[in-house]
Amino acid sequence: MTAGRPRASLGRILEDLGDTLLELVAGDPEPVDEVGGVVIHDPLDELALPRHALVLGVGVHQPAEIAALLAELGEHGAAGLVVRAPVTADERLAGTVERSGVALLGLTRGASWTQLAAMLRSLIAEGDVGDTGPETLGGMPSGDLFTLANAISTLLDAPITIEDRSSRVLAFSGRQDEADPSRIATVLGRQVPQRFTRILEERGVFHELYRSEDPIEVAPMPGTAAEITLRRVALAIRAGDEILGSIWAAVRSPLSAERTQALRDAAKLVALHLLRLRAGADVERRLRADLVATALEAGPGAADALTRLGLADAGCLVLALTPVGLAEDEGLTATHAQLVAERQRLTDAFSMHLSAVYPRSAAALIGDVGYGIVGCRPDRGDAEQRAVRVTREFLGRIGSSRRVLVGVGSVAHDHAGLARSRAGADRALRVLRRGNGSTGVARIADVYVDALLIELADLAAARGDQPSGPVARLLAYDAKRRTCLVETLHAWLTAFGDVVAAATTLHTHPNTFRYRLRRLAEVGGIDLADPDARFAAMLELRLMGYSPPAARSGPGS
């Protein structure tokens, strides 16, 4: 950890652990910007707390007990009290929280107080002055799952894999050569082969694994004798009610009672490491998003943000990415949460792709758009074209079921120009969202006029402007007489005055089309030989978003 980093605030603790372990029952966590320590409450011991302590109320259940303890903690300046959920903040309890200034938090059912205490202490210890070594959990370097897998392998005398909910291998121990071919294939691919997971699902193994709090035995699978010759012992990794993954041991004989207990204890320690990895990844992601957002705003802190991102003193350009449309299998039931998760997944993949191509780059999800900033060499004039090629390669590799659009801004030679590059990327992205681009990638330089037209239409709509002049007269005539003079004008302008081509698009005889042209010139009072009049009519049709009705069938229609 970086020396000198501020201790965790109560708000940050809730952000990092709130989804899994903690919930805010009552109170405001924001005033406490630094939690001074974690204390386990003992009713038989004299209360001695560090400043802004977070107190674990183990065994405190009744509302009256909670209220009395909150009042006492308020006198000692505590930051918060954690009790076992569920707890209901009735009027009396909410009043006590408000008077004491101590936030009341609930620990999710099934979660271990030991897990919570270890996680809190690791979060609070970040940035302690004098911390010269790496953080440890249970005697293991924090997040080092491979070391942990080897330790568990030694305890069980069997090769181990630690897997997530999708059967991806997070870490594995040594001695995998002692297992069977299926385990070797799993380790080499860092994923349990699909043919095996399908059999496990059909046999109900995953259902049993995630329901049981004890290790389960999995016999060799029928029909796979050449690949799976050893039985498996598996145990789910839990943090409260949440399943984080599982531990799989390839064994030649059933585990003894001592080794079974060792596996249970090891699963709790693995849960701590997985939680710590996730919390660290979330913190790093938020920090990067803050730096990218600050850099793109080109405000007072932009130069410092670019320095911290490693993008200072060089040209940069901005790319803006977003998925659009619904996945085919989601239909109209797609939720906002699914789309947010898809955006984050795509942004993470985009960040990895950019980092592999550009020596200096940064990407983060800001709002509903993923932004990438890439460094450009000053001696190359093809930075934008290269960004388009790199982005198209990315779009060709991802497996998103949505259409993904990417706008490419112009090159910025300093941090002040980065805001213009972002604006250009956003404008290009908006053109693509309107369906004006032939591909999923566009430079602002290539769609500049389309972007201007969209912005001009926005201005007209904001002022409440309505069609005027010849186009307005033609619209009114068509609405009253059920004619198609505006459609005829649009087709003729689109075909650059080619009557035969325009008539073909409307499935109309050229002579009939010529008659309509003469009629619309009379009704609309427009001189079709005047280039200014033609341009004005074309621009107005574009700004009002006119699209002709479906072509009528038959040459005489």
Protein backbone atom coordinates (compact mmCIF):
# COMPACT_ATOMS: atom_id res chain seq x y z
CA MET A 1 0.00 0.00 0.00
CA THR A 2 1.09 3.55 -0.57
CA ALA A 3 2.49 5.13 2.54
CA GLY A 4 0.60 8.15 3.76
CA ARG A 5 -2.74 7.21 2.25
CA PRO A 6 -5.58 8.49 4.48
CA ARG A 7 -7.33 6.03 6.71
CA ALA A 8 -10.72 4.77 5.58
CA SER A 9 -13.75 6.95 6.22
CA LEU A 10 -17.00 5.39 7.37
CA GLY A 11 -18.53 6.24 3.99
CA ARG A 12 -15.73 4.43 2.14
CA ILE A 13 -16.09 1.38 4.38
CA LEU A 14 -19.78 1.22 3.47
CA GLU A 15 -18.92 1.58 -0.24
CA ASP A 16 -16.33 -1.21 -0.13
CA LEU A 17 -18.21 -3.68 2.07
CA GLY A 18 -21.81 -2.56 1.72
CA ASP A 19 -22.80 -4.97 -1.06
CA THR A 20 -21.59 -7.98 0.88
CA LEU A 21 -21.25 -7.46 4.62
CA LEU A 22 -22.69 -4.17 5.87
CA GLU A 23 -25.81 -2.05 5.52
CA LEU A 24 -26.58 1.39 6.93
CA VAL A 25 -29.59 1.10 9.26
CA ALA A 26 -29.69 4.69 10.56
CA GLY A 27 -27.47 7.74 10.83
CA ASP A 28 -25.16 9.70 8.55
CA PRO A 29 -21.71 8.23 7.81
CA GLU A 30 -20.38 11.32 6.01
CA PRO A 31 -19.26 13.43 9.02
CA VAL A 32 -16.73 10.74 10.02
CA ASP A 33 -13.83 11.18 7.59
CA GLU A 34 -11.46 8.84 9.43
CA VAL A 35 -12.27 5.71 11.44
CA GLY A 36 -9.75 5.43 14.26
CA GLY A 37 -10.02 1.70 14.96
CA VAL A 38 -12.20 -1.39 15.38
CA VAL A 39 -13.32 -2.44 18.87
CA ILE A 40 -15.33 -5.50 19.91
CA HIS A 41 -17.86 -4.54 22.58
CA ASP A 42 -17.66 -6.41 25.88
CA PRO A 43 -20.41 -5.50 28.40
CA LEU A 44 -18.23 -6.69 31.30
CA ASP A 45 -15.23 -4.58 30.34
CA GLU A 46 -14.66 -0.87 30.90
CA LEU A 47 -15.32 1.07 27.71
CA ALA A 48 -12.10 2.53 26.30
CA LEU A 49 -12.26 3.61 22.68
CA PRO A 50 -9.91 5.29 20.21
CA ARG A 51 -11.22 8.42 18.53
CA HIS A 52 -13.99 7.68 15.99
CA ALA A 53 -13.97 3.96 16.76
CA LEU A 54 -16.20 1.47 14.93
CA VAL A 55 -17.68 -0.80 17.58
CA LEU A 56 -18.78 -4.38 16.85
CA GLY A 57 -21.79 -5.12 19.05
CA VAL A 58 -21.45 -8.90 19.18
CA GLY A 59 -24.45 -10.35 20.98
CA VAL A 60 -26.35 -7.04 21.18
CA HIS A 61 -29.82 -7.73 19.80
CA GLN A 62 -32.65 -6.02 21.71
CA PRO A 63 -33.63 -2.46 20.70
CA ALA A 64 -33.27 -1.29 24.29
CA GLU A 65 -29.73 -2.71 24.50
CA ILE A 66 -28.81 -1.12 21.20
CA ALA A 67 -30.22 2.27 22.24
CA ALA A 68 -28.35 2.21 25.57
CA LEU A 69 -25.08 1.27 23.89
CA LEU A 70 -25.53 3.99 21.25
CA ALA A 71 -25.97 6.63 23.97
CA GLU A 72 -22.84 5.43 25.75
CA LEU A 73 -20.81 5.33 22.55
CA GLY A 74 -21.94 8.85 21.68
CA GLU A 75 -20.33 10.12 24.89
CA HIS A 76 -17.02 8.54 23.83
CA GLY A 77 -17.08 9.93 20.26
CA ALA A 78 -17.55 6.61 18.45
CA ALA A 79 -18.14 6.63 14.70
CA GLY A 80 -20.54 3.71 14.42
CA LEU A 81 -22.03 0.60 15.96
CA VAL A 82 -22.41 -2.68 14.06
CA VAL A 83 -25.06 -5.17 15.19
CA ARG A 84 -26.33 -8.36 13.63
CA ALA A 85 -29.05 -7.83 10.99
CA PRO A 86 -31.97 -7.68 10.76
CA VAL A 87 -32.53 -4.67 13.00
CA THR A 88 -35.41 -2.23 12.64
CA ALA A 89 -34.73 1.43 13.36
CA ASP A 90 -37.95 2.39 15.15
CA GLU A 91 -38.68 5.97 16.23
CA ARG A 92 -36.90 5.59 19.56
CA LEU A 93 -33.81 4.00 18.05
CA ALA A 94 -33.64 6.58 15.24
CA GLY A 95 -33.86 9.35 17.83
CA THR A 96 -31.02 7.83 19.83
CA VAL A 97 -28.87 7.59 16.69
CA GLU A 98 -29.54 11.25 15.90
CA ARG A 99 -28.77 12.45 19.44
CA SER A 100 -25.62 10.35 19.84
CA GLY A 101 -24.22 11.04 16.38
CA VAL A 102 -23.26 7.35 16.11
CA ALA A 103 -24.24 5.60 12.88
CA LEU A 104 -26.00 2.24 13.26
CA LEU A 105 -24.94 -0.50 10.83
CA GLY A 106 -26.18 -4.05 10.31
CA LEU A 107 -24.00 -7.11 9.64
CA THR A 108 -25.66 -9.37 7.08
CA ARG A 109 -27.02 -12.71 8.27
CA GLY A 110 -24.57 -15.58 8.02
CA ALA A 111 -21.49 -13.35 7.83
CA SER A 112 -18.72 -13.99 10.32
CA TRP A 113 -17.70 -11.36 12.88
CA THR A 114 -14.13 -12.58 12.32
CA GLN A 115 -14.42 -11.88 8.59
CA LEU A 116 -15.80 -8.43 9.26
CA ALA A 117 -13.14 -7.53 11.84
CA ALA A 118 -10.32 -8.66 9.54
CA MET A 119 -11.71 -6.76 6.55
CA LEU A 120 -12.27 -3.59 8.59
CA ARG A 121 -8.79 -3.66 10.06
CA SER A 122 -7.22 -4.19 6.63
CA LEU A 123 -9.14 -1.24 5.20
CA ILE A 124 -8.35 1.04 8.13
CA ALA A 125 -4.67 0.03 8.13
CA GLU A 126 -4.12 1.27 4.57
CA GLY A 127 -1.75 4.18 4.54
CA ASP A 128 -0.52 3.81 8.11
CA VAL A 129 2.72 5.72 8.47
CA GLY A 130 5.58 3.29 8.94
CA ASP A 131 3.86 0.46 7.09
CA THR A 132 6.88 -0.92 5.27
CA GLY A 133 5.62 -4.34 4.28
CA PRO A 134 2.77 -5.76 2.28
CA GLU A 135 -0.58 -6.25 3.99
CA THR A 136 -1.31 -9.77 5.19
CA LEU A 137 -4.51 -11.67 5.93
CA GLY A 138 -4.19 -14.84 7.97
CA GLY A 139 -0.41 -14.77 7.57
CA MET A 140 -0.67 -14.64 3.75
CA PRO A 141 0.06 -11.63 1.53
CA SER A 142 -3.27 -9.95 0.84
CA GLY A 143 -4.72 -11.14 -2.45
CA ASP A 144 -2.04 -13.78 -3.11
CA LEU A 145 -4.41 -16.63 -3.90
CA PHE A 146 -1.67 -18.85 -5.35
CA THR A 147 0.25 -18.88 -2.07
CA LEU A 148 -3.01 -19.60 -0.29
CA ALA A 149 -3.83 -22.46 -2.69
CA ASN A 150 -0.43 -24.05 -2.03
CA ALA A 151 -0.98 -23.76 1.73
CA ILE A 152 -4.39 -25.45 1.46
CA SER A 153 -2.88 -28.13 -0.76
CA THR A 154 -0.32 -28.89 1.94
CA LEU A 155 -3.04 -29.13 4.62
CA LEU A 156 -5.20 -31.47 2.53
CA ASP A 157 -2.36 -33.34 0.80
CA ALA A 158 -4.13 -32.82 -2.55
CA PRO A 159 -3.89 -30.48 -5.55
CA ILE A 160 -6.23 -27.49 -5.21
CA THR A 161 -8.01 -25.04 -7.49
CA ILE A 162 -9.83 -21.90 -6.36
CA GLU A 163 -12.64 -21.03 -8.80
CA ASP A 164 -15.23 -18.28 -9.18
CA ARG A 165 -18.97 -18.73 -9.74
CA SER A 166 -18.39 -19.19 -13.48
CA SER A 167 -15.87 -22.03 -12.93
CA ARG A 168 -12.96 -19.80 -13.96
CA VAL A 169 -9.73 -20.72 -12.19
CA LEU A 170 -8.59 -17.87 -9.95
CA ALA A 171 -5.61 -19.75 -8.53
CA PHE A 172 -4.20 -23.27 -8.32
CA SER A 173 -1.64 -25.11 -6.23
CA GLY A 174 1.31 -27.19 -7.27
CA ARG A 175 1.18 -30.97 -7.73
CA GLN A 176 -1.46 -30.70 -10.46
CA ASP A 177 0.42 -33.44 -12.34
CA GLU A 178 -0.76 -35.83 -9.61
CA ALA A 179 -4.37 -35.22 -10.64
CA ASP A 180 -6.14 -36.47 -13.76
CA PRO A 181 -6.21 -35.12 -17.35
CA SER A 182 -9.38 -33.10 -16.73
CA ARG A 183 -7.67 -31.10 -13.94
CA ILE A 184 -4.63 -30.44 -16.15
CA ALA A 185 -6.93 -29.20 -18.95
CA THR A 186 -8.72 -26.97 -16.45
CA VAL A 187 -5.48 -25.41 -15.17
CA LEU A 188 -4.04 -24.89 -18.64
CA GLY A 189 -7.21 -23.21 -19.87
CA ARG A 190 -7.83 -21.39 -16.56
CA GLN A 191 -11.43 -22.53 -16.97
CA VAL A 192 -13.28 -25.78 -16.30
CA PRO A 193 -14.07 -27.18 -19.79
CA GLN A 194 -17.69 -26.69 -20.75
CA ARG A 195 -18.30 -30.41 -21.31
CA PHE A 196 -17.50 -31.02 -17.63
CA THR A 197 -19.53 -28.10 -16.24
CA ARG A 198 -22.51 -29.29 -18.27
CA ILE A 199 -22.31 -32.73 -16.65
CA LEU A 200 -21.91 -31.16 -13.19
CA GLU A 201 -25.01 -29.02 -13.77
CA GLU A 202 -27.02 -32.03 -15.00
CA ARG A 203 -26.01 -34.00 -11.91
CA GLY A 204 -27.03 -31.14 -9.63
CA VAL A 205 -23.53 -30.73 -8.22
CA PHE A 206 -23.53 -26.92 -8.29
CA HIS A 207 -26.98 -26.81 -6.70
CA GLU A 208 -25.79 -29.04 -3.86
CA LEU A 209 -22.49 -27.17 -3.54
CA TYR A 210 -24.10 -23.75 -3.12
CA ARG A 211 -26.77 -25.02 -0.73
CA SER A 212 -24.40 -26.85 1.60
CA GLU A 213 -22.11 -25.22 4.15
CA ASP A 214 -20.07 -28.44 4.36
CA PRO A 215 -17.71 -29.92 1.78
CA ILE A 216 -19.37 -32.20 -0.75
CA GLU A 217 -17.89 -35.21 -2.56
CA VAL A 218 -18.12 -35.48 -6.34
CA ALA A 219 -17.55 -38.94 -7.79
CA PRO A 220 -15.78 -39.41 -11.15
CA MET A 221 -18.16 -38.63 -13.99
CA PRO A 222 -19.59 -41.49 -16.05
CA GLY A 223 -18.37 -41.64 -19.61
CA THR A 224 -15.21 -39.63 -18.85
CA ALA A 225 -13.11 -42.37 -17.28
CA ALA A 226 -10.07 -41.51 -19.37
CA GLU A 227 -10.15 -37.88 -18.21
CA ILE A 228 -11.57 -37.91 -14.66
CA THR A 229 -10.12 -40.67 -12.52
CA LEU A 230 -10.09 -38.93 -9.12
CA ARG A 231 -12.97 -37.89 -6.96
CA ARG A 232 -13.36 -34.25 -5.99
CA VAL A 233 -14.09 -32.60 -2.68
CA ALA A 234 -15.61 -29.11 -3.15
CA LEU A 235 -16.63 -26.38 -0.74
CA ALA A 236 -18.36 -23.08 -1.48
CA ILE A 237 -16.58 -19.86 -0.48
CA ARG A 238 -19.04 -17.62 1.33
CA ALA A 239 -19.19 -14.08 2.64
CA GLY A 240 -22.46 -13.97 4.50
CA ASP A 241 -25.19 -15.09 2.14
CA GLU A 242 -23.11 -14.33 -0.96
CA ILE A 243 -21.30 -17.11 -2.83
CA LEU A 244 -17.88 -15.85 -3.97
CA GLY A 245 -16.61 -19.07 -5.52
CA SER A 246 -15.47 -22.54 -4.51
CA ILE A 247 -12.43 -24.66 -3.60
CA TRP A 248 -11.89 -27.98 -5.41
CA ALA A 249 -9.52 -30.69 -4.22
CA ALA A 250 -8.67 -33.76 -6.30
CA VAL A 251 -8.38 -36.57 -3.73
CA ARG A 252 -7.70 -40.29 -3.84
CA SER A 253 -9.58 -41.07 -0.62
CA PRO A 254 -12.16 -39.31 1.56
CA LEU A 255 -10.85 -36.46 3.72
CA SER A 256 -10.40 -37.09 7.41
CA ALA A 257 -12.35 -35.07 9.93
CA GLU A 258 -9.27 -32.93 10.65
CA ARG A 259 -8.69 -32.17 6.98
CA THR A 260 -12.38 -31.45 6.42
CA GLN A 261 -12.25 -28.89 9.22
CA ALA A 262 -9.05 -27.45 7.76
CA LEU A 263 -10.86 -26.99 4.43
CA ARG A 264 -13.73 -25.19 6.19
CA ASP A 265 -11.29 -22.84 7.94
CA ALA A 266 -9.37 -22.27 4.71
CA ALA A 267 -12.57 -21.27 2.87
CA LYS A 268 -13.13 -18.46 5.38
CA LEU A 269 -9.62 -17.17 4.78
CA VAL A 270 -10.04 -17.40 1.00
CA ALA A 271 -13.25 -15.36 1.35
CA LEU A 272 -11.29 -12.62 3.12
CA HIS A 273 -8.72 -12.52 0.32
CA LEU A 274 -11.40 -12.45 -2.39
CA LEU A 275 -13.24 -9.65 -0.62
CA ARG A 276 -10.02 -7.72 -0.26
CA LEU A 277 -9.20 -8.17 -3.93
CA ARG A 278 -12.67 -6.99 -4.92
CA ALA A 279 -12.56 -4.01 -2.59
CA GLY A 280 -9.14 -3.03 -3.90
CA ALA A 281 -10.29 -3.36 -7.51
CA ASP A 282 -13.35 -1.21 -6.82
CA VAL A 283 -11.24 1.46 -5.13
CA GLU A 284 -8.74 1.49 -7.98
CA ARG A 285 -11.54 1.67 -10.54
CA ARG A 286 -13.16 4.63 -8.77
CA LEU A 287 -9.82 6.41 -8.44
CA ARG A 288 -9.09 5.94 -12.15
CA ALA A 289 -12.57 7.13 -13.08
CA ASP A 290 -12.08 10.26 -10.97
CA LEU A 291 -8.72 10.97 -12.62
CA VAL A 292 -10.07 10.41 -16.14
CA ALA A 293 -13.10 12.62 -15.44
CA THR A 294 -10.88 15.38 -14.02
CA ALA A 295 -8.57 15.23 -17.03
CA LEU A 296 -11.46 15.39 -19.50
CA GLU A 297 -12.97 18.44 -17.82
CA ALA A 298 -9.72 20.37 -18.49
CA GLY A 299 -10.15 22.26 -15.22
CA PRO A 300 -7.52 23.32 -12.67
CA GLY A 301 -6.73 19.71 -11.71
CA ALA A 302 -6.46 18.36 -15.27
CA ALA A 303 -2.69 18.66 -15.54
CA ASP A 304 -2.15 16.81 -12.25
CA ALA A 305 -4.66 14.11 -13.25
CA LEU A 306 -2.87 13.54 -16.57
CA THR A 307 0.44 13.29 -14.72
CA ARG A 308 -0.95 10.66 -12.38
CA LEU A 309 -2.35 8.77 -15.37
CA GLY A 310 1.05 8.90 -17.07
CA LEU A 311 -0.26 10.98 -19.97
CA ALA A 312 1.39 14.34 -19.32
CA ASP A 313 3.70 16.18 -21.74
CA ALA A 314 2.36 14.47 -24.87
CA GLY A 315 -0.46 14.67 -27.36
CA CYS A 316 -3.62 12.73 -26.53
CA LEU A 317 -6.95 11.96 -28.08
CA VAL A 318 -10.23 10.79 -26.57
CA LEU A 319 -12.43 7.87 -27.57
CA ALA A 320 -16.03 7.52 -26.39
CA LEU A 321 -17.70 4.08 -26.29
CA THR A 322 -21.21 2.92 -25.50
CA PRO A 323 -23.40 -0.13 -26.26
CA VAL A 324 -26.81 0.46 -27.83
CA GLY A 325 -29.84 -1.72 -28.51
CA LEU A 326 -31.14 -4.74 -26.66
CA ALA A 327 -29.59 -8.18 -26.62
CA GLU A 328 -31.63 -10.60 -28.71
CA ASP A 329 -32.29 -12.90 -25.78
CA GLU A 330 -33.35 -10.09 -23.43
CA GLY A 331 -36.20 -8.67 -25.49
CA LEU A 332 -38.08 -5.93 -23.69
CA THR A 333 -37.23 -7.30 -20.24
CA ALA A 334 -33.66 -5.95 -20.22
CA THR A 335 -33.09 -4.05 -17.00
CA HIS A 336 -31.13 -0.91 -16.38
CA ALA A 337 -28.78 -2.91 -14.14
CA GLN A 338 -27.97 -5.28 -17.01
CA LEU A 339 -27.10 -2.38 -19.29
CA VAL A 340 -24.92 -0.76 -16.62
CA ALA A 341 -23.07 -4.05 -16.10
CA GLU A 342 -22.59 -4.39 -19.86
CA ARG A 343 -21.15 -0.88 -20.07
CA GLN A 344 -18.71 -1.60 -17.27
CA ARG A 345 -17.67 -4.93 -18.81
CA LEU A 346 -17.07 -3.32 -22.19
CA THR A 347 -15.13 -0.43 -20.63
CA ASP A 348 -12.90 -2.85 -18.72
CA ALA A 349 -12.26 -4.83 -21.90
CA PHE A 350 -11.63 -1.60 -23.84
CA SER A 351 -9.13 -0.49 -21.19
CA MET A 352 -7.23 -3.77 -21.49
CA HIS A 353 -7.24 -3.59 -25.29
CA LEU A 354 -5.93 -0.02 -25.33
CA SER A 355 -3.21 -0.79 -22.79
CA ALA A 356 -1.96 -3.62 -25.01
CA VAL A 357 -1.67 -1.33 -28.05
CA TYR A 358 -0.77 2.06 -26.58
CA PRO A 359 2.16 2.36 -24.14
CA ARG A 360 0.22 5.09 -22.35
CA SER A 361 -3.55 4.98 -22.03
CA ALA A 362 -6.35 5.19 -19.49
CA ALA A 363 -10.03 4.28 -19.68
CA ALA A 364 -12.98 4.56 -17.31
CA LEU A 365 -16.77 4.51 -17.32
CA ILE A 366 -18.17 8.00 -16.70
CA GLY A 367 -21.94 8.14 -16.65
CA ASP A 368 -23.19 5.90 -19.44
CA VAL A 369 -20.12 6.37 -21.67
CA GLY A 370 -16.76 4.63 -21.45
CA TYR A 371 -13.96 7.10 -22.22
CA GLY A 372 -10.45 6.17 -23.29
CA ILE A 373 -7.52 8.60 -23.38
CA VAL A 374 -4.55 7.45 -25.46
CA GLY A 375 -1.19 9.08 -25.89
CA CYS A 376 -0.10 10.09 -29.41
CA ARG A 377 3.39 10.44 -30.80
CA PRO A 378 4.02 14.04 -31.92
CA ASP A 379 5.96 12.93 -35.00
CA ARG A 380 3.02 10.95 -36.44
CA GLY A 381 0.12 12.56 -38.25
CA ASP A 382 -2.10 9.48 -38.43
CA ALA A 383 -3.08 9.27 -34.75
CA GLU A 384 -6.82 9.47 -35.44
CA GLN A 385 -6.69 6.90 -38.25
CA ARG A 386 -4.71 4.56 -36.03
CA ALA A 387 -7.25 4.97 -33.23
CA VAL A 388 -10.01 4.01 -35.67
CA ARG A 389 -8.09 0.87 -36.74
CA VAL A 390 -7.40 -0.14 -33.13
CA THR A 391 -11.04 0.41 -32.18
CA ARG A 392 -12.31 -1.64 -35.12
CA GLU A 393 -10.04 -4.49 -34.06
CA PHE A 394 -11.55 -4.27 -30.57
CA LEU A 395 -15.12 -4.32 -31.88
CA GLY A 396 -14.26 -7.35 -34.02
CA ARG A 397 -13.06 -9.31 -31.00
CA ILE A 398 -15.63 -8.59 -28.30
CA GLY A 399 -18.59 -10.87 -27.76
CA SER A 400 -21.23 -8.28 -26.90
CA SER A 401 -24.76 -9.06 -28.03
CA ARG A 402 -25.37 -5.33 -28.37
CA ARG A 403 -24.13 -3.02 -31.08
CA VAL A 404 -21.18 -1.03 -29.73
CA LEU A 405 -20.45 2.49 -31.00
CA VAL A 406 -17.20 4.43 -30.62
CA GLY A 407 -16.59 8.11 -31.39
CA VAL A 408 -13.02 9.34 -31.95
CA GLY A 409 -12.09 12.90 -31.06
CA SER A 410 -9.35 15.09 -32.50
CA VAL A 411 -5.75 15.14 -31.25
CA ALA A 412 -5.14 17.42 -28.25
CA HIS A 413 -1.66 18.81 -27.84
CA ASP A 414 -2.16 19.94 -24.22
CA HIS A 415 -4.54 19.33 -21.34
CA ALA A 416 -6.68 22.32 -22.35
CA GLY A 417 -7.37 20.71 -25.73
CA LEU A 418 -8.46 17.45 -24.13
CA ALA A 419 -11.93 18.88 -23.42
CA ARG A 420 -12.30 19.68 -27.15
CA SER A 421 -11.20 16.14 -28.01
CA ARG A 422 -13.80 14.73 -25.63
CA ALA A 423 -16.49 17.00 -27.08
CA GLY A 424 -15.54 15.78 -30.55
CA ALA A 425 -15.76 12.13 -29.48
CA ASP A 426 -19.17 12.77 -27.89
CA ARG A 427 -20.41 14.51 -31.04
CA ALA A 428 -19.22 11.65 -33.24
CA LEU A 429 -20.87 9.17 -30.91
CA ARG A 430 -24.15 11.06 -31.13
CA VAL A 431 -24.04 10.95 -34.93
CA LEU A 432 -23.54 7.17 -34.75
CA ARG A 433 -26.46 6.85 -32.34
CA ARG A 434 -28.67 8.57 -34.92
CA GLY A 435 -27.71 5.84 -37.38
CA ASN A 436 -25.82 8.25 -39.62
CA GLY A 437 -22.61 6.21 -39.67
CA SER A 438 -22.02 3.21 -41.90
CA THR A 439 -19.87 1.48 -39.23
CA GLY A 440 -19.67 1.45 -35.46
CA VAL A 441 -16.65 3.81 -35.40
CA ALA A 442 -16.44 7.42 -36.58
CA ARG A 443 -13.99 10.29 -36.30
CA ILE A 444 -15.44 13.70 -35.61
CA ALA A 445 -13.53 14.91 -38.68
CA ASP A 446 -15.55 12.50 -40.85
CA VAL A 447 -18.99 13.31 -39.41
CA TYR A 448 -18.48 16.99 -38.62
CA VAL A 449 -21.31 18.24 -40.85
CA ASP A 450 -23.74 15.65 -39.50
CA ALA A 451 -22.84 16.73 -35.96
CA LEU A 452 -23.46 20.39 -36.88
CA LEU A 453 -26.88 19.53 -38.32
CA ILE A 454 -27.87 17.65 -35.16
CA GLU A 455 -26.82 20.59 -32.99
CA LEU A 456 -28.66 23.05 -35.25
CA ALA A 457 -31.79 20.90 -34.99
CA ASP A 458 -31.41 20.95 -31.19
CA LEU A 459 -31.21 24.75 -31.27
CA ALA A 460 -34.32 25.02 -33.43
CA ALA A 461 -36.22 22.63 -31.17
CA ALA A 462 -35.14 24.49 -28.03
CA ARG A 463 -36.44 27.77 -29.47
CA GLY A 464 -39.66 26.15 -30.67
CA ASP A 465 -39.01 26.97 -34.33
CA GLN A 466 -41.49 25.50 -36.82
CA PRO A 467 -41.07 24.84 -40.58
CA SER A 468 -41.52 27.98 -42.62
CA GLY A 469 -41.62 29.19 -46.20
CA PRO A 470 -42.08 26.73 -49.07
CA VAL A 471 -41.66 23.60 -46.94
CA ALA A 472 -44.35 24.76 -44.50
CA ARG A 473 -46.76 25.49 -47.37
CA LEU A 474 -46.13 22.06 -48.90
CA LEU A 475 -46.65 20.31 -45.57
CA ALA A 476 -49.96 22.09 -45.05
CA TYR A 477 -51.09 21.29 -48.62
CA ASP A 478 -50.20 17.58 -48.23
CA ALA A 479 -52.03 17.38 -44.90
CA LYS A 480 -55.17 18.97 -46.37
CA ARG A 481 -55.25 17.28 -49.80
CA ARG A 482 -53.59 13.95 -48.90
CA THR A 483 -50.94 14.52 -51.59
CA CYS A 484 -47.21 13.74 -51.52
CA LEU A 485 -45.52 16.94 -52.67
CA VAL A 486 -43.00 17.04 -49.76
CA GLU A 487 -42.05 13.44 -50.50
CA THR A 488 -41.54 14.38 -54.17
CA LEU A 489 -39.36 17.36 -53.25
CA HIS A 490 -37.27 15.24 -50.89
CA ALA A 491 -36.70 12.54 -53.52
CA TRP A 492 -35.76 15.11 -56.20
CA LEU A 493 -33.28 16.91 -53.92
CA THR A 494 -31.78 13.61 -52.77
CA ALA A 495 -31.28 12.53 -56.41
CA PHE A 496 -29.59 15.89 -57.25
CA GLY A 497 -32.34 16.78 -59.72
CA ASP A 498 -32.26 13.47 -61.62
CA VAL A 499 -35.96 12.98 -62.40
CA VAL A 500 -35.63 9.38 -63.60
CA ALA A 501 -33.68 8.30 -60.51
CA ALA A 502 -36.03 10.15 -58.15
CA ALA A 503 -39.12 8.71 -59.85
CA THR A 504 -37.65 5.21 -59.52
CA THR A 505 -37.22 5.59 -55.75
CA LEU A 506 -40.94 6.46 -55.46
CA HIS A 507 -42.03 3.81 -58.01
CA THR A 508 -43.56 6.61 -60.08
CA HIS A 509 -43.52 7.26 -63.84
CA PRO A 510 -41.08 10.07 -64.75
CA ASN A 511 -43.85 12.08 -66.45
CA THR A 512 -46.00 11.85 -63.31
CA PHE A 513 -43.01 12.92 -61.27
CA ARG A 514 -42.40 15.95 -63.53
CA TYR A 515 -46.03 16.98 -63.10
CA ARG A 516 -45.65 16.81 -59.29
CA LEU A 517 -42.49 18.92 -59.49
CA ARG A 518 -44.32 21.65 -61.38
CA ARG A 519 -47.22 21.42 -58.93
CA LEU A 520 -45.01 21.68 -55.81
CA ALA A 521 -43.19 24.66 -57.30
CA GLU A 522 -46.55 26.41 -57.74
CA VAL A 523 -47.97 25.46 -54.34
CA GLY A 524 -44.80 26.06 -52.37
CA GLY A 525 -43.70 29.12 -54.28
CA ILE A 526 -40.19 27.71 -54.66
CA ASP A 527 -37.87 28.34 -57.58
CA LEU A 528 -36.20 24.95 -58.14
CA ALA A 529 -33.64 26.57 -60.45
CA ASP A 530 -32.36 28.73 -57.57
CA PRO A 531 -29.47 26.95 -55.71
CA ASP A 532 -30.14 28.95 -52.53
CA ALA A 533 -33.79 27.90 -52.55
CA ARG A 534 -32.83 24.27 -53.08
CA PHE A 535 -30.27 24.40 -50.25
CA ALA A 536 -32.76 26.06 -47.88
CA ALA A 537 -35.41 23.43 -48.59
CA MET A 538 -32.94 20.55 -48.18
CA LEU A 539 -31.60 21.98 -44.92
CA GLU A 540 -35.06 22.48 -43.48
CA LEU A 541 -36.07 18.92 -44.36
CA ARG A 542 -32.92 17.62 -42.66
CA LEU A 543 -33.45 19.72 -39.54
CA MET A 544 -37.04 18.59 -39.12
CA GLY A 545 -35.86 14.97 -39.41
CA TYR A 546 -38.09 14.30 -42.41
CA SER A 547 -38.15 10.73 -43.62
CA PRO A 548 -40.39 9.80 -46.59
CA PRO A 549 -43.23 7.31 -46.10
CA ALA A 550 -42.77 3.75 -47.30
CA ALA A 551 -42.55 3.60 -51.09
CA ARG A 552 -45.86 2.97 -52.76
CA SER A 553 -46.19 -0.06 -55.02
CA GLY A 554 -47.04 0.22 -58.70
CA PRO A 555 -45.83 2.70 -61.32
CA GLY A 556 -49.17 4.47 -61.51
CA SER A 557 -49.71 5.03 -57.80
